[in-house]
Protein backbone atom coordinates (compact mmCIF):
# COMPACT_ATOMS: atom_id res chain seq x y z
CA UNK A 1 -35.85 11.63 34.85
CA UNK A 2 -32.92 13.90 35.67
CA UNK A 3 -29.33 13.47 34.60
CA UNK A 4 -26.56 14.84 36.75
CA UNK A 5 -24.22 17.69 35.87
CA UNK A 6 -21.02 16.89 34.00
CA UNK A 7 -17.45 18.13 34.31
CA UNK A 8 -15.59 19.55 31.30
CA UNK A 9 -17.71 18.05 28.56
CA UNK A 10 -21.09 16.65 27.61
CA UNK A 11 -22.31 13.14 28.34
CA UNK A 12 -22.53 10.82 25.36
CA UNK A 13 -25.11 8.11 24.80
CA UNK A 14 -22.58 5.64 26.16
CA UNK A 15 -23.30 6.82 29.72
CA UNK A 16 -26.88 5.46 29.97
CA UNK A 17 -25.94 2.47 27.79
CA UNK A 18 -23.15 1.52 30.19
CA UNK A 19 -25.09 2.18 33.40
CA UNK A 20 -28.34 0.50 32.44
CA UNK A 21 -26.63 -2.15 30.33
CA UNK A 22 -24.48 -3.36 33.21
CA UNK A 23 -27.45 -5.07 34.83
CA UNK A 24 -28.10 -7.54 31.97
CA UNK A 25 -24.34 -8.02 31.59
CA UNK A 26 -24.14 -8.98 35.27
CA UNK A 27 -27.08 -11.38 34.96
CA UNK A 28 -25.33 -13.02 31.99
CA UNK A 29 -22.21 -13.43 34.13
CA UNK A 30 -24.25 -15.20 36.81
CA UNK A 31 -25.83 -17.40 34.14
CA UNK A 32 -22.46 -18.48 32.70
CA UNK A 33 -20.07 -18.44 35.67
CA UNK A 34 -19.98 -19.71 39.25
CA UNK A 35 -21.64 -17.16 41.55
CA UNK A 36 -18.47 -16.19 43.39
CA UNK A 37 -16.62 -15.39 40.18
CA UNK A 38 -19.65 -13.55 38.83
CA UNK A 39 -19.71 -11.36 41.96
CA UNK A 40 -16.01 -10.57 41.57
CA UNK A 41 -16.16 -9.71 37.88
CA UNK A 42 -19.42 -7.79 38.23
CA UNK A 43 -18.41 -5.57 41.14
CA UNK A 44 -14.76 -4.98 40.29
CA UNK A 45 -15.54 -4.61 36.59
CA UNK A 46 -18.28 -2.07 37.27
CA UNK A 47 -15.96 0.04 39.39
CA UNK A 48 -13.18 -0.18 36.83
CA UNK A 49 -15.13 0.73 33.70
CA UNK A 50 -18.51 2.36 34.36
CA UNK A 51 -18.73 6.18 34.02
CA UNK A 52 -18.34 8.61 36.91
CA UNK A 53 -21.59 10.40 35.95
CA UNK A 54 -23.78 12.05 38.56
CA UNK A 55 -26.47 9.62 37.48
CA UNK A 56 -30.20 9.48 36.78
CA UNK A 57 -33.10 10.01 39.13
CA UNK A 58 -36.51 8.38 38.79
CA UNK A 59 -39.07 9.62 41.29
CA UNK A 60 -38.30 8.44 44.82
CA UNK A 61 -35.79 5.81 43.73
CA UNK A 62 -32.11 6.16 44.59
CA UNK A 63 -29.90 7.81 41.98
CA UNK A 64 -28.81 5.37 39.28
CA UNK A 65 -25.08 5.88 39.06
CA UNK A 66 -21.89 3.86 39.13
CA UNK A 67 -22.13 3.03 42.82
CA UNK A 68 -25.77 1.95 42.84
CA UNK A 69 -25.50 -0.07 39.62
CA UNK A 70 -22.39 -1.85 40.95
CA UNK A 71 -24.26 -3.02 44.06
CA UNK A 72 -27.77 -3.55 42.71
CA UNK A 73 -26.67 -5.54 39.65
CA UNK A 74 -24.61 -7.96 41.79
CA UNK A 75 -27.34 -8.31 44.41
CA UNK A 76 -29.94 -8.97 41.72
CA UNK A 77 -27.73 -11.64 40.21
CA UNK A 78 -27.37 -13.33 43.59
CA UNK A 79 -31.13 -13.11 44.24
CA UNK A 80 -31.98 -14.70 40.89
CA UNK A 81 -29.26 -17.30 40.54
CA UNK A 82 -28.01 -18.08 44.05
CA UNK A 83 -30.87 -17.20 46.38
CA UNK A 84 -29.99 -19.97 48.81
CA UNK A 85 -26.69 -18.23 49.54
CA UNK A 86 -28.54 -15.00 50.22
CA UNK A 87 -30.86 -16.79 52.63
CA UNK A 88 -27.88 -18.27 54.47
CA UNK A 89 -26.77 -14.87 55.77
CA UNK A 90 -26.86 -14.75 59.57
CA UNK A 91 -26.36 -11.56 61.54
CA UNK A 92 -23.40 -11.91 63.92
CA UNK A 93 -21.93 -9.70 66.58
CA UNK A 94 -19.26 -8.40 64.24
CA UNK A 95 -21.95 -7.10 61.86
CA UNK A 96 -22.99 -4.48 64.42
CA UNK A 97 -20.48 -1.84 63.12
CA UNK A 98 -21.83 -2.01 59.56
CA UNK A 99 -25.38 -1.81 60.92
CA UNK A 100 -24.55 1.37 62.86
CA UNK A 101 -22.59 2.76 59.89
CA UNK A 102 -25.63 2.13 57.69
CA UNK A 103 -28.18 3.77 59.98
CA UNK A 104 -26.24 6.65 61.53
CA UNK A 105 -26.63 9.01 58.49
CA UNK A 106 -30.39 8.56 58.78
CA UNK A 107 -30.28 9.30 62.51
CA UNK A 108 -28.15 12.37 61.79
CA UNK A 109 -30.60 13.60 59.12
CA UNK A 110 -33.50 13.13 61.53
CA UNK A 111 -31.66 14.91 64.34
CA UNK A 112 -31.02 17.84 62.01
CA UNK A 113 -34.71 18.02 61.09
CA UNK A 114 -34.43 16.81 57.49
CA UNK A 115 -37.44 14.59 58.01
CA UNK A 116 -38.25 11.06 56.91
CA UNK A 117 -37.29 11.67 53.30
CA UNK A 118 -33.87 12.97 54.27
CA UNK A 119 -33.25 10.04 56.57
CA UNK A 120 -34.37 7.55 53.91
CA UNK A 121 -32.19 9.15 51.24
CA UNK A 122 -29.03 9.06 53.37
CA UNK A 123 -29.61 5.48 54.53
CA UNK A 124 -30.12 4.32 50.95
CA UNK A 125 -26.81 5.88 49.96
CA UNK A 126 -25.11 3.89 52.73
CA UNK A 127 -26.90 0.68 51.78
CA UNK A 128 -25.88 0.92 48.13
CA UNK A 129 -22.34 2.10 48.77
CA UNK A 130 -21.35 0.10 51.84
CA UNK A 131 -23.86 -2.46 53.09
CA UNK A 132 -24.52 -4.50 49.94
CA UNK A 133 -20.81 -4.97 49.08
CA UNK A 134 -20.16 -5.89 52.72
CA UNK A 135 -22.93 -8.51 52.74
CA UNK A 136 -21.67 -9.99 49.46
CA UNK A 137 -18.19 -10.13 50.92
CA UNK A 138 -19.57 -11.99 53.95
CA UNK A 139 -21.50 -14.44 51.80
CA UNK A 140 -18.96 -15.33 49.13
CA UNK A 141 -15.57 -15.13 50.86
CA UNK A 142 -16.19 -17.04 54.08
CA UNK A 143 -12.86 -18.78 54.58
CA UNK A 144 -9.17 -18.32 53.87
CA UNK A 145 -9.31 -20.01 50.45
CA UNK A 146 -12.14 -17.76 49.27
CA UNK A 147 -10.41 -14.69 50.73
CA UNK A 148 -7.41 -15.64 48.59
CA UNK A 149 -9.66 -15.59 45.53
CA UNK A 150 -10.64 -12.02 46.32
CA UNK A 151 -7.01 -11.01 46.86
CA UNK A 152 -5.99 -12.58 43.56
CA UNK A 153 -8.85 -10.83 41.78
CA UNK A 154 -7.59 -7.48 43.09
CA UNK A 155 -4.15 -8.26 41.68
CA UNK A 156 -5.65 -9.20 38.30
CA UNK A 157 -7.76 -6.00 38.33
CA UNK A 158 -4.59 -3.95 38.79
CA UNK A 159 -2.87 -5.75 35.92
CA UNK A 160 -5.84 -5.02 33.65
CA UNK A 161 -5.46 -1.33 34.49
CA UNK A 162 -1.74 -1.29 33.63
CA UNK A 163 -2.05 -0.69 29.84
CA UNK A 164 -4.82 1.86 30.42
CA UNK A 165 -2.69 3.78 32.92
CA UNK A 166 0.32 3.72 30.60
CA UNK A 167 -1.84 4.95 27.71
CA UNK A 168 -3.11 7.92 29.74
CA UNK A 169 0.40 8.74 30.92
CA UNK A 170 1.43 9.02 27.27
CA UNK A 171 -1.68 10.61 25.73
CA UNK A 172 -3.00 12.46 28.83
CA UNK A 173 -6.02 11.22 30.84
CA UNK A 174 -8.65 11.06 28.09
CA UNK A 175 -10.24 7.59 28.14
CA UNK A 176 -13.27 8.69 30.15
CA UNK A 177 -13.82 11.70 27.89
CA UNK A 178 -13.35 9.70 24.69
CA UNK A 179 -15.94 7.10 25.70
CA UNK A 180 -18.33 9.00 27.97
CA UNK A 181 -17.85 12.56 26.72
CA UNK A 182 -16.47 14.34 29.79
CA UNK A 183 -13.63 14.42 32.30
CA UNK A 184 -14.67 13.03 35.68
CA UNK A 185 -12.54 15.60 37.54
CA UNK A 186 -10.60 18.79 36.96
CA UNK A 187 -7.99 18.06 34.33
CA UNK A 188 -5.32 20.28 35.90
CA UNK A 189 -5.13 17.91 38.86
CA UNK A 190 -3.78 15.19 36.59
CA UNK A 191 -0.56 17.11 35.94
CA UNK A 192 2.13 15.94 38.33
CA UNK A 193 5.94 15.93 38.35
CA UNK A 194 6.32 16.72 34.68
CA UNK A 195 3.82 14.08 33.52
CA UNK A 196 0.23 12.96 33.86
CA UNK A 197 -1.53 11.10 36.65
CA UNK A 198 -4.01 8.66 35.06
CA UNK A 199 -7.67 8.68 36.07
CA UNK A 200 -8.90 5.95 33.66
CA UNK A 201 -12.57 5.44 34.70
CA UNK A 202 -12.29 6.29 38.39
CA UNK A 203 -13.17 9.48 40.23
CA UNK A 204 -9.64 10.86 40.50
CA UNK A 205 -6.02 9.98 39.92
CA UNK A 206 -5.68 9.43 43.66
CA UNK A 207 -8.25 6.64 43.45
CA UNK A 208 -6.29 4.99 40.63
CA UNK A 209 -3.08 5.31 42.67
CA UNK A 210 -4.58 3.45 45.62
CA UNK A 211 -6.19 0.87 43.32
CA UNK A 212 -2.78 0.05 41.87
CA UNK A 213 -1.17 0.06 45.32
CA UNK A 214 -3.75 -2.46 46.55
CA UNK A 215 -3.06 -4.62 43.49
CA UNK A 216 0.69 -4.51 44.19
CA UNK A 217 0.18 -5.53 47.82
CA UNK A 218 -2.12 -8.38 46.79
CA UNK A 219 0.06 -9.74 44.01
CA UNK A 220 3.30 -9.41 45.94
CA UNK A 221 2.16 -11.23 49.08
CA UNK A 222 0.39 -14.01 47.20
CA UNK A 223 3.58 -14.55 45.20
CA UNK A 224 5.93 -14.21 48.17
CA UNK A 225 3.90 -16.61 50.31
CA UNK A 226 4.42 -19.27 47.68
CA UNK A 227 1.05 -19.79 46.06
CA UNK A 228 0.86 -17.54 42.98
CA UNK A 229 3.80 -18.56 40.79
CA UNK A 230 2.16 -17.98 37.43
CA UNK A 231 -0.58 -15.67 36.22
CA UNK A 232 -1.99 -15.90 32.70
CA UNK A 233 0.77 -18.43 32.00
CA UNK A 234 3.47 -15.87 32.81
CA UNK A 235 5.77 -15.84 35.87
CA UNK A 236 4.06 -13.66 38.44
CA UNK A 237 7.24 -11.82 39.39
CA UNK A 238 7.50 -10.42 35.84
CA UNK A 239 3.96 -9.11 35.96
CA UNK A 240 4.60 -7.72 39.44
CA UNK A 241 7.59 -5.79 38.16
CA UNK A 242 5.43 -4.15 35.48
CA UNK A 243 2.71 -3.43 38.02
CA UNK A 244 5.15 -1.84 40.49
CA UNK A 245 6.67 0.41 37.83
CA UNK A 246 3.24 1.48 36.62
CA UNK A 247 2.13 2.24 40.17
CA UNK A 248 5.15 4.49 40.73
CA UNK A 249 4.48 6.23 37.40
CA UNK A 250 0.90 6.97 38.52
CA UNK A 251 2.54 9.80 40.49
CA UNK A 252 0.32 9.60 43.58
CA UNK A 253 2.81 10.29 46.34
CA UNK A 254 0.49 9.21 49.14
CA UNK A 255 -0.32 5.89 47.48
CA UNK A 256 3.37 5.26 46.76
CA UNK A 257 4.27 6.00 50.38
CA UNK A 258 1.55 3.64 51.63
CA UNK A 259 2.81 0.97 49.22
CA UNK A 260 6.25 1.26 50.79
CA UNK A 261 4.80 1.13 54.30
CA UNK A 262 2.72 -1.93 53.46
CA UNK A 263 5.67 -3.80 51.97
CA UNK A 264 7.86 -3.00 54.98
CA UNK A 265 5.12 -4.29 57.30
CA UNK A 266 4.82 -7.54 55.33
CA UNK A 267 8.57 -8.06 55.20
CA UNK A 268 8.86 -7.57 58.97
CA UNK A 269 6.04 -10.06 59.38
CA UNK A 270 7.99 -12.54 57.30
CA UNK A 271 11.61 -12.05 58.35
CA UNK A 272 11.36 -10.62 61.88
CA UNK A 273 8.21 -12.61 62.67
CA UNK A 274 6.84 -9.44 64.22
CA UNK A 275 3.34 -8.04 63.97
CA UNK A 276 4.29 -4.84 65.82
CA UNK A 277 4.26 -2.62 62.75
CA UNK A 278 0.83 -3.95 61.76
CA UNK A 279 -0.44 -3.09 65.23
CA UNK A 280 1.06 0.41 64.96
CA UNK A 281 -0.59 0.89 61.58
CA UNK A 282 -3.90 -0.33 63.01
CA UNK A 283 -3.95 2.43 65.61
CA UNK A 284 -2.49 5.14 63.34
CA UNK A 285 -5.74 6.39 61.80
CA UNK A 286 -7.87 6.42 65.01
CA UNK A 287 -5.01 8.04 66.91
CA UNK A 288 -4.60 10.72 64.25
CA UNK A 289 -8.34 11.44 64.22
CA UNK A 290 -8.53 11.59 68.01
CA UNK A 291 -5.58 13.95 68.45
CA UNK A 292 -6.54 16.21 65.54
CA UNK A 293 -10.23 16.44 66.44
CA UNK A 294 -9.47 17.38 70.05
CA UNK A 295 -6.61 19.73 69.16
CA UNK A 296 -4.05 17.74 71.10
CA UNK A 297 -1.80 17.69 68.02
CA UNK A 298 -1.36 20.49 65.51
CA UNK A 299 0.09 18.31 62.76
CA UNK A 300 3.06 20.67 62.27
CA UNK A 301 5.57 17.83 62.56
CA UNK A 302 3.90 16.12 59.60
CA UNK A 303 4.20 19.34 57.58
CA UNK A 304 7.90 19.58 58.47
CA UNK A 305 8.50 15.98 57.37
CA UNK A 306 6.67 16.63 54.10
CA UNK A 307 8.84 19.67 53.40
CA UNK A 308 12.00 17.69 54.14
CA UNK A 309 11.23 14.68 51.93
CA UNK A 310 9.09 16.30 49.22
CA UNK A 311 8.84 19.98 48.37
CA UNK A 312 7.77 23.27 49.87
CA UNK A 313 4.66 23.28 47.68
CA UNK A 314 3.56 19.87 48.95
CA UNK A 315 4.27 20.95 52.53
CA UNK A 316 2.23 24.10 51.98
CA UNK A 317 -0.66 22.01 50.67
CA UNK A 318 -0.48 19.79 53.75
CA UNK A 319 -0.40 22.83 56.03
CA UNK A 320 -3.57 24.03 54.31
CA UNK A 321 -5.19 20.67 55.01
CA UNK A 322 -4.30 20.96 58.70
CA UNK A 323 -5.80 24.44 58.88
CA UNK A 324 -8.97 23.18 57.22
CA UNK A 325 -9.18 20.23 59.61
CA UNK A 326 -8.89 22.56 62.63
CA UNK A 327 -11.86 24.61 61.45
CA UNK A 328 -13.94 21.60 60.39
CA UNK A 329 -13.26 19.69 63.61
CA UNK A 330 -14.35 22.67 65.69
CA UNK A 331 -17.54 22.90 63.63
CA UNK A 332 -18.16 19.15 63.88
CA UNK A 333 -17.81 19.03 67.65
CA UNK A 334 -20.63 21.53 68.00
CA UNK A 335 -22.80 18.45 67.41
CA UNK A 336 -20.50 15.65 68.57
CA UNK A 337 -22.85 12.66 68.71
CA UNK A 338 -24.57 12.63 65.28
CA UNK A 339 -23.00 15.53 63.43
CA UNK A 340 -24.58 18.00 61.02
CA UNK A 341 -25.80 15.49 58.41
CA UNK A 342 -25.28 16.41 54.74
CA UNK A 343 -26.30 19.23 52.44
CA UNK A 344 -23.05 21.09 53.08
CA UNK A 345 -23.86 21.96 56.68
CA UNK A 346 -20.46 20.75 57.87
CA UNK A 347 -18.60 23.53 56.01
CA UNK A 348 -17.36 26.71 57.67
CA UNK A 349 -18.26 30.17 56.26
CA UNK A 350 -17.13 33.68 57.10
CA UNK A 351 -19.41 36.54 58.14
CA UNK A 352 -20.16 37.38 54.51
CA UNK A 353 -21.18 33.87 53.53
CA UNK A 354 -17.94 32.95 51.80
CA UNK A 355 -16.87 29.36 52.22
CA UNK A 356 -13.60 29.00 54.11
CA UNK A 357 -13.04 25.27 54.14
CA UNK A 358 -12.34 22.45 51.69
CA UNK A 359 -13.26 18.97 52.88
CA UNK A 360 -10.82 16.30 51.68
CA UNK A 361 -10.34 13.52 54.22
CA UNK A 362 -13.07 10.97 54.77
CA UNK A 363 -12.50 11.02 58.51
CA UNK A 364 -13.30 14.73 58.83
CA UNK A 365 -16.25 14.40 56.44
CA UNK A 366 -17.59 11.57 58.57
CA UNK A 367 -17.04 13.41 61.84
CA UNK A 368 -18.83 16.47 60.52
CA UNK A 369 -21.69 14.61 58.90
CA UNK A 370 -22.30 11.74 61.33
CA UNK A 371 -20.45 12.76 64.47
CA UNK A 372 -18.43 10.52 66.73
CA UNK A 373 -20.96 7.71 66.29
CA UNK A 374 -20.32 7.63 62.56
CA UNK A 375 -16.56 7.99 62.86
CA UNK A 376 -16.22 5.17 65.39
CA UNK A 377 -18.42 2.85 63.34
CA UNK A 378 -16.45 3.65 60.19
CA UNK A 379 -13.16 2.81 61.89
CA UNK A 380 -14.65 -0.42 63.28
CA UNK A 381 -15.91 -1.49 59.85
CA UNK A 382 -12.50 -0.88 58.30
CA UNK A 383 -10.14 -1.93 61.09
CA UNK A 384 -11.89 -4.45 63.34
CA UNK A 385 -11.58 -7.35 60.83
CA UNK A 386 -7.84 -6.70 60.47
CA UNK A 387 -7.55 -6.48 64.26
CA UNK A 388 -9.18 -9.89 64.63
CA UNK A 389 -6.72 -11.37 62.16
CA UNK A 390 -3.66 -9.83 63.79
CA UNK A 391 -4.60 -10.80 67.36
CA UNK A 392 -6.50 -14.07 66.86
CA UNK A 393 -4.16 -15.86 64.47
CA UNK A 394 -0.78 -17.21 65.62
CA UNK A 395 2.33 -15.71 64.03
CA UNK A 396 3.19 -18.95 62.27
CA UNK A 397 -0.10 -19.06 60.40
CA UNK A 398 0.17 -15.41 59.33
CA UNK A 399 3.29 -16.30 57.36
CA UNK A 400 1.77 -19.30 55.60
CA UNK A 401 0.11 -19.50 52.21
CA UNK A 402 -3.10 -20.67 53.88
CA UNK A 403 -3.79 -17.20 55.28
CA UNK A 404 -2.08 -15.15 52.56
CA UNK A 405 -5.37 -13.83 51.20
CA UNK A 406 -6.51 -12.73 54.66
CA UNK A 407 -3.20 -10.96 55.30
CA UNK A 408 -3.56 -9.16 51.96
CA UNK A 409 -7.09 -7.98 52.74
CA UNK A 410 -6.12 -6.86 56.23
CA UNK A 411 -3.14 -4.87 54.92
CA UNK A 412 -5.26 -3.25 52.23
CA UNK A 413 -7.93 -2.21 54.74
CA UNK A 414 -5.35 -0.75 57.11
CA UNK A 415 -3.59 1.24 54.37
CA UNK A 416 -6.90 2.42 52.93
CA UNK A 417 -8.02 3.71 56.33
CA UNK A 418 -4.79 5.69 56.63
CA UNK A 419 -5.38 7.08 53.13
CA UNK A 420 -8.87 8.15 54.26
CA UNK A 421 -7.21 10.61 56.65
CA UNK A 422 -6.35 12.77 53.64
CA UNK A 423 -8.61 11.60 50.82
CA UNK A 424 -12.16 10.35 50.31
CA UNK A 425 -11.84 7.98 47.35
CA UNK A 426 -14.46 5.30 47.93
CA UNK A 427 -14.24 1.79 46.42
CA UNK A 428 -16.63 -1.18 46.90
CA UNK A 429 -13.53 -3.39 47.15
CA UNK A 430 -13.13 -2.08 50.70
CA UNK A 431 -16.40 -3.59 51.83
CA UNK A 432 -15.89 -6.83 49.95
CA UNK A 433 -12.59 -7.11 51.84
CA UNK A 434 -14.14 -6.15 55.17
CA UNK A 435 -16.98 -8.66 54.87
CA UNK A 436 -14.61 -11.37 53.68
CA UNK A 437 -12.17 -10.81 56.50
CA UNK A 438 -14.89 -10.81 59.14
CA UNK A 439 -16.24 -14.12 57.82
CA UNK A 440 -12.74 -15.63 57.61
CA UNK A 441 -11.38 -14.47 60.95
CA UNK A 442 -14.18 -13.63 63.37
CA UNK A 443 -14.99 -17.31 63.96
CA UNK A 444 -11.80 -18.87 65.27
CA UNK A 445 -12.71 -22.46 64.53
CA UNK A 446 -15.11 -23.48 61.77
CA UNK A 447 -17.27 -26.56 61.87
CA UNK A 448 -15.10 -28.45 59.38
CA UNK A 449 -11.92 -27.56 61.23
CA UNK A 450 -13.44 -28.69 64.52
CA UNK A 451 -14.36 -32.04 62.98
CA UNK A 452 -10.85 -32.41 61.56
CA UNK A 453 -9.29 -31.75 64.95
CA UNK A 454 -11.56 -34.26 66.64
CA UNK A 455 -10.62 -36.85 64.04
CA UNK A 456 -6.93 -36.03 64.41
CA UNK A 457 -7.06 -36.43 68.18
CA UNK A 458 -8.83 -39.74 67.86
CA UNK A 459 -6.26 -41.12 65.39
CA UNK A 460 -3.28 -39.26 66.95
CA UNK A 461 -2.20 -37.92 63.54
CA UNK A 462 -1.33 -34.28 62.84
CA UNK A 463 -3.44 -32.07 60.64
CA UNK A 464 -1.57 -31.08 57.49
CA UNK A 465 -2.89 -28.13 55.49
CA UNK A 466 -1.60 -27.94 51.92
CA UNK A 467 -2.07 -25.15 49.42
CA UNK A 468 -4.43 -25.90 46.60
CA UNK A 469 -2.31 -27.05 43.69
CA UNK A 470 -4.73 -25.57 41.20
CA UNK A 471 -4.87 -22.15 42.86
CA UNK A 472 -1.95 -20.55 41.08
CA UNK A 473 -3.22 -18.74 38.06
CA UNK A 474 -6.82 -19.64 38.72
CA UNK A 475 -7.99 -16.54 36.84
CA UNK A 476 -6.37 -17.46 33.52
């Protein structure tokens, strides 16, 4: 058994207790709760509270860490308590991107002569991080009502983090160290704008910032669309006000900017009845990656905008990112199809072996490690479900409570993909949302809807879809 290295401290006994203890906790959730709610609490709760330790290694098994425990515990609960749902999974055409995204690291490892073991190791990382959450999203959030449950759970998760964020803003980010014995990232990166950026139990303050932004988007649209009037017996708009203030105080400028962009897009969808800005946001990340990787765009205009609206220091940091991306993209395109695989082969070094580059954005990490095949499959996994929603659903339905959960998940996936241009802060909530949105939107007409339409035509009466009266505050 091997424990991973720690940052700024020593692991306490609570690390293995939390990691190994989460499996029986999850099984207890499945024993006491409906499977869908158990999946939600298990996966979101694991990501919110388990330690960011490097993990434990037993022989040839995958590393036991936060990511693997989050996925394996939920999958084990489904297998033991809801196996029929697991058997009901059917591979569809829209599952092809996640299949490629799962296998391409193995193909890259094989192409770079890391052998069977290297290919197996990289594929297992993908399965535990991406594929299992995606499959669970496909299985348990198969229609618009169930997608709304996921969106509401994301809002509730953000509200649960509010007091923890406020505590770390006041006392400095210490919760992870107090409970698990070490800081999960360099402490100096928590100091921002005269205060502290909370990390709570996630990998970085940037991850917390996006988590809170996603919660704001979810809570706001569910409330605005007319379905979530009360939460925990309190008017939702009051809780939203607290959540918005806390998100701003998290001091993650990128997450705050994306929150503003997301709200503008939703308001234009509502008032102007226009999906144009959603379409523009959909193409933003692939267009950025394409122009930056090929050198068609230097990114200088983005640096100038940053200097104008922020500070010279922030603009200098962004300029450094652009310089890094230029070097990394040139290195990546030396092996354009499958990339350089892992083990730090994507980095650029000088003639004396000194490392020149810092890899921040997930897009450039993916391009370097898995090539264009990996990058395209990643974008398809993240953006294709939102594309199906935007182009398959009529404008009128996008503004209704019926599809509010789907609109939330699509907006979150779009904003997250844009954030991945500059950061690489993974969350299993992405794949829950992707799987849910595919199941909800890829099939235009479900069996029950088809039957309802046939009945309506035969009786010449319109179909009336009403919000569930018991939905508001369903997570009391």
